[in-house]
Amino acid sequence: MPTRKQRGSDTQNAVALYVAEHGWPHAQSTGAGRMGVDITGMPGLSPEVKARRDFNLPLWLRQAAKHGGGVPFVVHRPDGFGLDKVELWPMTFYLRDGVTILRDAGYGDELPDPLSDRCDDGRPWAAGQ
């Protein structure tokens, strides 16, 4: 197996093992170079794993999103980060998904009730004075 493919395979396996040990016990690498989601066993998520020198997040996020398996995200192994540093590899989401995940985890201030500035009949309060 050429070095580049081996690095991709090792990277994907390391991510699958890491997530399997951190809450997704059925996570499995599908093998580098295979079409479709890179790691199975993560319901509601669509991971794309990259060990590339070039950097094209928009393309990679589109690849993750087209799998249709859930929230798309990319785990990228930068140069100089060995397999022993898998927990330090960057993980990227679309902003909308990251904000939703953070809010669901309890971060952020309480959002105002969108209906609190309305009159009983639904008109904006200022118009109903």
Protein backbone atom coordinates (compact mmCIF):
# COMPACT_ATOMS: atom_id res chain seq x y z
CA MET A 1 0.00 0.00 0.00
CA PRO A 2 1.52 3.36 -0.96
CA THR A 3 2.56 5.62 1.92
CA ARG A 4 -0.24 8.17 1.29
CA LYS A 5 -2.92 5.48 1.34
CA GLN A 6 -1.40 3.90 4.44
CA ARG A 7 -1.43 7.26 6.22
CA GLY A 8 -5.10 7.70 5.26
CA SER A 9 -5.99 4.23 6.47
CA ASP A 10 -4.07 4.64 9.74
CA THR A 11 -5.72 8.03 10.31
CA GLN A 12 -9.23 6.72 9.73
CA ASN A 13 -8.59 3.72 12.00
CA ALA A 14 -7.23 6.00 14.75
CA VAL A 15 -10.32 8.23 14.63
CA ALA A 16 -12.65 5.21 14.69
CA LEU A 17 -10.80 3.75 17.69
CA TYR A 18 -10.82 7.10 19.52
CA VAL A 19 -14.56 7.66 19.09
CA ALA A 20 -15.26 3.99 19.94
CA GLU A 21 -13.51 4.59 23.27
CA HIS A 22 -15.39 7.87 23.85
CA GLY A 23 -19.07 7.06 23.44
CA TRP A 24 -19.60 5.31 20.10
CA PRO A 25 -18.61 1.69 20.88
CA HIS A 26 -19.77 0.43 17.48
CA ALA A 27 -17.68 2.90 15.47
CA GLN A 28 -15.68 1.26 12.69
CA SER A 29 -13.48 2.58 9.94
CA THR A 30 -14.78 1.71 6.49
CA GLY A 31 -11.30 1.77 4.98
CA ALA A 32 -9.49 4.62 3.30
CA GLY A 33 -10.53 5.39 -0.26
CA ARG A 34 -13.96 3.75 0.02
CA MET A 35 -16.94 5.80 -1.15
CA GLY A 36 -19.44 6.84 1.51
CA VAL A 37 -19.16 7.66 5.18
CA ASP A 38 -15.65 7.09 6.59
CA ILE A 39 -16.74 5.73 9.97
CA THR A 40 -19.87 3.73 10.62
CA GLY A 41 -21.54 3.16 13.99
CA MET A 42 -22.06 6.86 14.73
CA PRO A 43 -25.84 7.31 14.32
CA GLY A 44 -26.89 10.83 13.39
CA LEU A 45 -23.36 11.79 12.34
CA SER A 46 -21.56 11.83 9.00
CA PRO A 47 -17.78 11.91 9.55
CA GLU A 48 -15.22 12.63 6.86
CA VAL A 49 -11.62 11.85 7.88
CA LYS A 50 -8.68 13.44 6.07
CA ALA A 51 -4.92 13.01 6.30
CA ARG A 52 -3.99 15.39 3.52
CA ARG A 53 -1.40 18.07 3.06
CA ASP A 54 -3.77 20.14 0.93
CA PHE A 55 -6.59 21.82 2.81
CA ASN A 56 -10.06 22.14 1.32
CA LEU A 57 -12.62 22.30 4.14
CA PRO A 58 -15.56 23.36 1.95
CA LEU A 59 -15.05 20.34 -0.31
CA TRP A 60 -14.57 17.98 2.61
CA LEU A 61 -17.68 19.23 4.41
CA ARG A 62 -19.69 18.81 1.20
CA GLN A 63 -18.37 15.24 0.96
CA ALA A 64 -19.49 14.54 4.54
CA ALA A 65 -22.88 16.16 3.92
CA LYS A 66 -23.61 14.19 0.75
CA HIS A 67 -23.45 10.92 2.69
CA GLY A 68 -26.75 11.95 4.30
CA GLY A 69 -25.99 10.13 7.53
CA GLY A 70 -26.55 13.07 9.82
CA VAL A 71 -24.52 16.03 11.02
CA PRO A 72 -21.53 16.36 8.70
CA PHE A 73 -18.09 17.00 10.15
CA VAL A 74 -14.44 16.66 9.18
CA VAL A 75 -11.56 15.34 11.27
CA HIS A 76 -8.27 16.47 9.76
CA ARG A 77 -4.86 15.08 10.67
CA PRO A 78 -2.31 17.87 10.19
CA ASP A 79 1.30 17.21 9.28
CA GLY A 80 3.40 16.60 12.38
CA PHE A 81 0.54 15.09 14.39
CA GLY A 82 1.16 11.41 14.89
CA LEU A 83 -1.35 8.76 15.81
CA ASP A 84 -0.55 9.34 19.48
CA LYS A 85 -2.03 12.86 19.21
CA VAL A 86 -5.40 11.90 17.69
CA GLU A 87 -7.29 13.83 20.40
CA LEU A 88 -5.59 17.03 19.17
CA TRP A 89 -6.60 16.73 15.52
CA PRO A 90 -8.98 19.48 14.39
CA MET A 91 -12.67 18.69 14.00
CA THR A 92 -14.77 21.05 11.86
CA PHE A 93 -18.55 21.48 11.58
CA TYR A 94 -20.73 23.93 9.72
CA LEU A 95 -21.38 26.85 12.07
CA ARG A 96 -25.11 26.06 12.25
CA ASP A 97 -24.38 22.52 13.45
CA GLY A 98 -21.67 23.56 15.88
CA VAL A 99 -23.94 26.18 17.47
CA THR A 100 -26.77 23.65 17.79
CA ILE A 101 -24.43 21.10 19.40
CA LEU A 102 -23.03 23.66 21.84
CA ARG A 103 -26.49 24.96 22.79
CA ASP A 104 -27.78 21.40 23.28
CA ALA A 105 -24.79 20.84 25.60
CA GLY A 106 -25.90 23.81 27.72
CA TYR A 107 -23.61 26.57 26.44
CA GLY A 108 -24.85 30.07 25.65
CA ASP A 109 -27.44 32.32 27.20
CA GLU A 110 -31.13 31.52 27.20
CA LEU A 111 -32.73 32.71 23.97
CA PRO A 112 -35.60 35.17 24.28
CA ASP A 113 -39.08 33.86 23.67
CA PRO A 114 -39.84 34.94 20.08
CA LEU A 115 -43.48 35.53 21.05
CA SER A 116 -42.76 37.70 24.12
CA ASP A 117 -42.77 40.90 22.04
CA ARG A 118 -46.22 40.16 20.58
CA CYS A 119 -49.73 41.17 21.53
CA ASP A 120 -52.36 38.57 22.30
CA ASP A 121 -53.47 38.67 18.65
CA GLY A 122 -49.92 37.96 17.38
CA ARG A 123 -49.12 41.48 16.13
CA PRO A 124 -45.79 43.01 17.24
CA TRP A 125 -46.26 44.73 20.60
CA ALA A 126 -45.28 48.22 19.37
CA ALA A 127 -47.99 48.08 16.69
CA GLY A 128 -50.63 46.99 19.19
CA GLN A 129 -50.13 49.74 21.80
